[in-house]
Amino acid sequence: MEPQRQARYNYLVGRLRSRQITMEEATELFAAMQAMLRASETSRRASLPPPPPQARGPVPAVGPPQPRGPSGGSDDLFLVGLLAMGAGAGLLAAMSRRLAEGPRDPAPVRGANPRRDA
């Protein structure tokens, strides 16, 4: 990376760390990081030796895909579990808040007229 680009990158990273970065600067920093990753990946691939030629052997027979069970995939189960954990956390927070507030006054009875009782 040339010195001017490196200095700009360091400046943007400093702004990000101090949480004073603007959206335009964040976009610029993201583009710079992407360019650095592409350059790193290109140099890494260039330094690797070419893969050895593979001998072509018989292709293993693949059977038909197995049908999924009613439980769905692991991603689906993960999302349902995440949703259940979120709901449980919300209920727990609501209950702990209610307990911290203490008992509430009973609701007034409808139709009761306090002026008549006095």
N, C-alpha and C. Protein backbone atom coordinates (compact mmCIF):
# COMPACT_ATOMS: atom_id res chain seq x y z
N MET A 1 0.85 -1.17 0.00
CA MET A 1 0.00 0.00 0.00
C MET A 1 0.90 1.23 0.00
N GLU A 2 0.58 2.18 -0.82
CA GLU A 2 1.40 3.39 -0.90
C GLU A 2 1.24 4.21 0.38
N PRO A 3 2.21 5.06 0.69
CA PRO A 3 2.21 5.79 1.97
C PRO A 3 0.97 6.67 2.17
N GLN A 4 0.50 7.33 1.12
CA GLN A 4 -0.66 8.21 1.27
C GLN A 4 -1.92 7.40 1.61
N ARG A 5 -2.09 6.27 0.95
CA ARG A 5 -3.25 5.41 1.24
C ARG A 5 -3.15 4.81 2.64
N GLN A 6 -1.92 4.44 3.04
CA GLN A 6 -1.72 3.88 4.38
C GLN A 6 -2.04 4.93 5.44
N ALA A 7 -1.63 6.17 5.21
CA ALA A 7 -1.92 7.24 6.18
C ALA A 7 -3.42 7.48 6.27
N ARG A 8 -4.11 7.46 5.13
CA ARG A 8 -5.57 7.66 5.14
C ARG A 8 -6.25 6.50 5.86
N TYR A 9 -5.78 5.29 5.62
CA TYR A 9 -6.33 4.11 6.28
C TYR A 9 -6.16 4.22 7.80
N ASN A 10 -4.98 4.60 8.24
CA ASN A 10 -4.72 4.74 9.67
C ASN A 10 -5.61 5.83 10.27
N TYR A 11 -5.80 6.93 9.55
CA TYR A 11 -6.67 8.00 10.03
C TYR A 11 -8.11 7.49 10.19
N LEU A 12 -8.60 6.75 9.18
CA LEU A 12 -9.98 6.24 9.25
C LEU A 12 -10.15 5.23 10.38
N VAL A 13 -9.16 4.39 10.59
CA VAL A 13 -9.24 3.41 11.68
C VAL A 13 -9.24 4.14 13.03
N GLY A 14 -8.45 5.19 13.14
CA GLY A 14 -8.46 5.99 14.37
C GLY A 14 -9.80 6.64 14.62
N ARG A 15 -10.43 7.15 13.56
CA ARG A 15 -11.76 7.74 13.70
C ARG A 15 -12.79 6.69 14.10
N LEU A 16 -12.64 5.49 13.55
CA LEU A 16 -13.57 4.40 13.90
C LEU A 16 -13.40 4.01 15.36
N ARG A 17 -12.19 3.90 15.82
CA ARG A 17 -11.94 3.51 17.22
C ARG A 17 -12.45 4.55 18.20
N SER A 18 -12.37 5.83 17.81
CA SER A 18 -12.86 6.88 18.72
C SER A 18 -14.35 7.16 18.50
N ARG A 19 -14.97 6.38 17.64
CA ARG A 19 -16.41 6.48 17.36
C ARG A 19 -16.81 7.87 16.86
N GLN A 20 -15.97 8.44 16.00
CA GLN A 20 -16.25 9.74 15.42
C GLN A 20 -16.30 9.65 13.90
N ILE A 21 -16.54 8.48 13.35
CA ILE A 21 -16.49 8.26 11.92
C ILE A 21 -17.83 8.62 11.28
N THR A 22 -17.78 9.21 10.11
CA THR A 22 -19.01 9.52 9.38
C THR A 22 -19.35 8.34 8.47
N MET A 23 -20.52 8.36 7.90
CA MET A 23 -20.95 7.28 7.03
C MET A 23 -20.06 7.22 5.78
N GLU A 24 -19.70 8.38 5.24
CA GLU A 24 -18.84 8.41 4.05
C GLU A 24 -17.46 7.84 4.36
N GLU A 25 -16.93 8.19 5.54
CA GLU A 25 -15.63 7.66 5.93
C GLU A 25 -15.70 6.16 6.18
N ALA A 26 -16.81 5.70 6.75
CA ALA A 26 -16.96 4.26 6.97
C ALA A 26 -17.01 3.51 5.64
N THR A 27 -17.69 4.09 4.66
CA THR A 27 -17.76 3.47 3.34
C THR A 27 -16.37 3.43 2.71
N GLU A 28 -15.62 4.53 2.85
CA GLU A 28 -14.26 4.58 2.32
C GLU A 28 -13.36 3.55 3.01
N LEU A 29 -13.51 3.42 4.33
CA LEU A 29 -12.72 2.44 5.08
C LEU A 29 -13.07 1.02 4.65
N PHE A 30 -14.34 0.76 4.45
CA PHE A 30 -14.77 -0.57 4.01
C PHE A 30 -14.18 -0.89 2.64
N ALA A 31 -14.20 0.08 1.72
CA ALA A 31 -13.64 -0.15 0.39
C ALA A 31 -12.13 -0.40 0.47
N ALA A 32 -11.45 0.34 1.33
CA ALA A 32 -10.00 0.14 1.50
C ALA A 32 -9.71 -1.26 2.06
N MET A 33 -10.52 -1.69 3.02
CA MET A 33 -10.31 -3.02 3.60
C MET A 33 -10.58 -4.11 2.57
N GLN A 34 -11.61 -3.93 1.75
CA GLN A 34 -11.90 -4.90 0.70
C GLN A 34 -10.75 -4.99 -0.29
N ALA A 35 -10.17 -3.83 -0.66
CA ALA A 35 -9.04 -3.83 -1.59
C ALA A 35 -7.84 -4.54 -0.97
N MET A 36 -7.62 -4.33 0.33
CA MET A 36 -6.51 -5.00 1.00
C MET A 36 -6.72 -6.50 1.02
N LEU A 37 -7.97 -6.93 1.26
CA LEU A 37 -8.26 -8.37 1.27
C LEU A 37 -8.06 -8.98 -0.12
N ARG A 38 -8.51 -8.27 -1.16
CA ARG A 38 -8.33 -8.79 -2.52
C ARG A 38 -6.84 -8.91 -2.85
N ALA A 39 -6.05 -7.89 -2.49
CA ALA A 39 -4.62 -7.93 -2.76
C ALA A 39 -3.95 -9.07 -1.99
N SER A 40 -4.36 -9.27 -0.75
CA SER A 40 -3.79 -10.35 0.05
C SER A 40 -4.14 -11.71 -0.53
N GLU A 41 -5.38 -11.87 -0.95
CA GLU A 41 -5.81 -13.15 -1.53
C GLU A 41 -5.09 -13.41 -2.85
N THR A 42 -4.89 -12.37 -3.66
CA THR A 42 -4.19 -12.53 -4.93
C THR A 42 -2.74 -12.94 -4.70
N SER A 43 -2.07 -12.30 -3.74
CA SER A 43 -0.68 -12.65 -3.48
C SER A 43 -0.57 -14.04 -2.86
N ARG A 44 -1.54 -14.41 -2.06
CA ARG A 44 -1.52 -15.75 -1.46
C ARG A 44 -1.68 -16.82 -2.54
N ARG A 45 -2.60 -16.58 -3.47
CA ARG A 45 -2.81 -17.57 -4.54
C ARG A 45 -1.61 -17.65 -5.47
N ALA A 46 -0.94 -16.52 -5.68
CA ALA A 46 0.23 -16.52 -6.56
C ALA A 46 1.38 -17.29 -5.93
N SER A 47 1.47 -17.30 -4.61
CA SER A 47 2.59 -17.97 -3.94
C SER A 47 2.37 -19.48 -3.79
N LEU A 48 1.15 -19.95 -3.96
CA LEU A 48 0.87 -21.38 -3.83
C LEU A 48 1.31 -22.12 -5.09
N PRO A 49 1.86 -23.33 -4.92
CA PRO A 49 2.20 -24.12 -6.11
C PRO A 49 0.92 -24.60 -6.79
N PRO A 50 0.96 -24.83 -8.09
CA PRO A 50 -0.25 -25.31 -8.77
C PRO A 50 -0.63 -26.69 -8.24
N PRO A 51 -1.91 -26.99 -8.20
CA PRO A 51 -2.33 -28.30 -7.69
C PRO A 51 -1.90 -29.41 -8.65
N PRO A 52 -1.58 -30.58 -8.09
CA PRO A 52 -1.18 -31.70 -8.95
C PRO A 52 -2.37 -32.17 -9.79
N PRO A 53 -2.09 -32.68 -10.98
CA PRO A 53 -3.21 -33.17 -11.80
C PRO A 53 -3.84 -34.39 -11.13
N GLN A 54 -5.13 -34.43 -11.15
CA GLN A 54 -5.85 -35.53 -10.50
C GLN A 54 -6.14 -36.61 -11.52
N ALA A 55 -5.96 -37.82 -11.07
CA ALA A 55 -6.27 -38.95 -11.93
C ALA A 55 -7.78 -39.13 -11.95
N ARG A 56 -8.29 -39.30 -13.13
CA ARG A 56 -9.74 -39.49 -13.25
C ARG A 56 -10.06 -40.96 -12.99
N GLY A 57 -10.80 -41.18 -11.95
CA GLY A 57 -11.22 -42.53 -11.61
C GLY A 57 -12.73 -42.65 -11.80
N PRO A 58 -13.25 -43.79 -11.49
CA PRO A 58 -14.70 -43.95 -11.62
C PRO A 58 -15.42 -43.02 -10.64
N VAL A 59 -16.46 -42.41 -11.12
CA VAL A 59 -17.25 -41.51 -10.29
C VAL A 59 -18.15 -42.35 -9.39
N PRO A 60 -18.12 -42.10 -8.07
CA PRO A 60 -18.97 -42.91 -7.18
C PRO A 60 -20.45 -42.64 -7.48
N ALA A 61 -21.20 -43.68 -7.39
CA ALA A 61 -22.65 -43.58 -7.64
C ALA A 61 -23.30 -42.84 -6.49
N VAL A 62 -24.13 -41.90 -6.84
CA VAL A 62 -24.85 -41.13 -5.83
C VAL A 62 -26.32 -41.50 -5.94
N GLY A 63 -26.89 -41.88 -4.82
CA GLY A 63 -28.30 -42.26 -4.80
C GLY A 63 -29.20 -41.03 -4.81
N PRO A 64 -30.48 -41.27 -4.86
CA PRO A 64 -31.40 -40.13 -4.84
C PRO A 64 -31.33 -39.44 -3.48
N PRO A 65 -31.61 -38.14 -3.45
CA PRO A 65 -31.54 -37.43 -2.17
C PRO A 65 -32.56 -37.96 -1.19
N GLN A 66 -32.14 -38.03 0.05
CA GLN A 66 -33.03 -38.52 1.09
C GLN A 66 -34.02 -37.43 1.46
N PRO A 67 -35.30 -37.76 1.61
CA PRO A 67 -36.28 -36.72 1.98
C PRO A 67 -36.03 -36.26 3.41
N ARG A 68 -36.28 -35.00 3.63
CA ARG A 68 -36.14 -34.44 4.98
C ARG A 68 -37.29 -34.89 5.84
N GLY A 69 -36.98 -35.04 7.09
CA GLY A 69 -38.02 -35.39 8.04
C GLY A 69 -38.88 -34.17 8.36
N PRO A 70 -39.91 -34.34 9.15
CA PRO A 70 -40.78 -33.22 9.48
C PRO A 70 -40.12 -32.16 10.34
N SER A 71 -38.94 -32.48 10.90
CA SER A 71 -38.30 -31.52 11.78
C SER A 71 -37.63 -30.38 11.03
N GLY A 72 -37.36 -30.52 9.75
CA GLY A 72 -36.73 -29.46 8.98
C GLY A 72 -35.23 -29.51 9.13
N GLY A 73 -34.55 -28.52 8.56
CA GLY A 73 -33.11 -28.47 8.60
C GLY A 73 -32.58 -27.88 9.89
N SER A 74 -31.28 -27.97 10.04
CA SER A 74 -30.68 -27.46 11.26
C SER A 74 -30.78 -25.94 11.33
N ASP A 75 -30.77 -25.27 10.17
CA ASP A 75 -30.93 -23.81 10.17
C ASP A 75 -32.31 -23.42 10.68
N ASP A 76 -33.33 -24.17 10.27
CA ASP A 76 -34.68 -23.88 10.72
C ASP A 76 -34.80 -24.06 12.23
N LEU A 77 -34.21 -25.14 12.73
CA LEU A 77 -34.27 -25.39 14.17
C LEU A 77 -33.51 -24.32 14.93
N PHE A 78 -32.40 -23.86 14.38
CA PHE A 78 -31.65 -22.80 15.03
C PHE A 78 -32.48 -21.53 15.12
N LEU A 79 -33.15 -21.17 14.04
CA LEU A 79 -33.95 -19.95 14.04
C LEU A 79 -35.13 -20.05 15.01
N VAL A 80 -35.77 -21.21 15.07
CA VAL A 80 -36.88 -21.39 16.00
C VAL A 80 -36.37 -21.32 17.44
N GLY A 81 -35.23 -21.91 17.70
CA GLY A 81 -34.64 -21.85 19.03
C GLY A 81 -34.26 -20.43 19.42
N LEU A 82 -33.74 -19.68 18.45
CA LEU A 82 -33.40 -18.28 18.71
C LEU A 82 -34.65 -17.47 19.01
N LEU A 83 -35.71 -17.72 18.29
CA LEU A 83 -36.97 -17.03 18.54
C LEU A 83 -37.52 -17.38 19.92
N ALA A 84 -37.45 -18.65 20.29
CA ALA A 84 -37.93 -19.07 21.60
C ALA A 84 -37.09 -18.46 22.72
N MET A 85 -35.79 -18.37 22.52
CA MET A 85 -34.94 -17.76 23.55
C MET A 85 -35.25 -16.28 23.70
N GLY A 86 -35.53 -15.60 22.58
CA GLY A 86 -35.88 -14.19 22.65
C GLY A 86 -37.19 -13.97 23.38
N ALA A 87 -38.17 -14.83 23.09
CA ALA A 87 -39.46 -14.71 23.78
C ALA A 87 -39.30 -15.00 25.27
N GLY A 88 -38.51 -16.00 25.59
CA GLY A 88 -38.27 -16.31 27.00
C GLY A 88 -37.55 -15.19 27.73
N ALA A 89 -36.59 -14.57 27.05
CA ALA A 89 -35.88 -13.44 27.67
C ALA A 89 -36.82 -12.27 27.89
N GLY A 90 -37.73 -12.03 26.95
CA GLY A 90 -38.71 -10.95 27.11
C GLY A 90 -39.64 -11.21 28.27
N LEU A 91 -40.11 -12.45 28.39
CA LEU A 91 -40.99 -12.79 29.50
C LEU A 91 -40.27 -12.67 30.84
N LEU A 92 -39.04 -13.12 30.88
CA LEU A 92 -38.26 -13.02 32.10
C LEU A 92 -38.04 -11.56 32.50
N ALA A 93 -37.75 -10.71 31.53
CA ALA A 93 -37.55 -9.29 31.82
C ALA A 93 -38.84 -8.64 32.32
N ALA A 94 -39.97 -9.00 31.70
CA ALA A 94 -41.25 -8.44 32.13
C ALA A 94 -41.60 -8.89 33.54
N MET A 95 -41.35 -10.16 33.84
CA MET A 95 -41.67 -10.67 35.17
C MET A 95 -40.77 -10.03 36.23
N SER A 96 -39.49 -9.89 35.92
CA SER A 96 -38.59 -9.29 36.92
C SER A 96 -38.92 -7.82 37.14
N ARG A 97 -39.35 -7.13 36.10
CA ARG A 97 -39.76 -5.73 36.26
C ARG A 97 -41.02 -5.64 37.11
N ARG A 98 -41.95 -6.53 36.88
CA ARG A 98 -43.19 -6.54 37.64
C ARG A 98 -42.92 -6.83 39.12
N LEU A 99 -42.01 -7.77 39.39
CA LEU A 99 -41.67 -8.08 40.77
C LEU A 99 -40.94 -6.92 41.44
N ALA A 100 -40.11 -6.20 40.68
CA ALA A 100 -39.38 -5.07 41.25
C ALA A 100 -40.31 -3.91 41.58
N GLU A 101 -41.38 -3.75 40.81
CA GLU A 101 -42.33 -2.66 41.06
C GLU A 101 -43.16 -2.91 42.31
N GLY A 102 -43.33 -4.13 42.69
CA GLY A 102 -44.13 -4.45 43.86
C GLY A 102 -45.60 -4.63 43.49
N PRO A 103 -46.43 -4.94 44.49
CA PRO A 103 -47.84 -5.17 44.19
C PRO A 103 -48.54 -3.88 43.76
N ARG A 104 -49.51 -4.05 42.89
CA ARG A 104 -50.26 -2.90 42.40
C ARG A 104 -51.54 -2.75 43.23
N ASP A 105 -52.09 -1.53 43.23
CA ASP A 105 -53.37 -1.30 43.89
C ASP A 105 -54.45 -2.00 43.09
N PRO A 106 -55.46 -2.53 43.79
CA PRO A 106 -56.53 -3.18 43.04
C PRO A 106 -57.27 -2.16 42.18
N ALA A 107 -57.76 -2.63 41.05
CA ALA A 107 -58.48 -1.75 40.13
C ALA A 107 -59.81 -1.35 40.76
N PRO A 108 -60.25 -0.10 40.57
CA PRO A 108 -61.54 0.31 41.13
C PRO A 108 -62.68 -0.46 40.47
N VAL A 109 -63.71 -0.70 41.27
CA VAL A 109 -64.86 -1.44 40.78
C VAL A 109 -65.68 -0.52 39.89
N ARG A 110 -66.09 -1.02 38.76
CA ARG A 110 -66.87 -0.21 37.84
C ARG A 110 -68.27 0.01 38.41
N GLY A 111 -68.73 1.19 38.21
CA GLY A 111 -70.10 1.51 38.67
C GLY A 111 -70.15 2.02 40.10
N ALA A 112 -69.05 1.91 40.83
CA ALA A 112 -69.04 2.42 42.20
C ALA A 112 -68.91 3.93 42.17
N ASN A 113 -69.70 4.60 42.98
CA ASN A 113 -69.67 6.06 43.04
C ASN A 113 -69.12 6.46 44.39
N PRO A 114 -67.91 7.02 44.43
CA PRO A 114 -67.31 7.37 45.73
C PRO A 114 -68.08 8.51 46.43
N ARG A 115 -68.79 9.33 45.70
CA ARG A 115 -69.53 10.44 46.33
C ARG A 115 -70.71 9.92 47.14
N ARG A 116 -71.33 8.84 46.68
CA ARG A 116 -72.49 8.30 47.40
C ARG A 116 -72.10 7.66 48.71
N ASP A 117 -70.89 7.08 48.75
CA ASP A 117 -70.47 6.39 49.97
C ASP A 117 -70.09 7.38 51.07
N ALA A 118 -69.76 8.58 50.75
CA ALA A 118 -69.30 9.56 51.73
C ALA A 118 -70.43 10.24 52.45
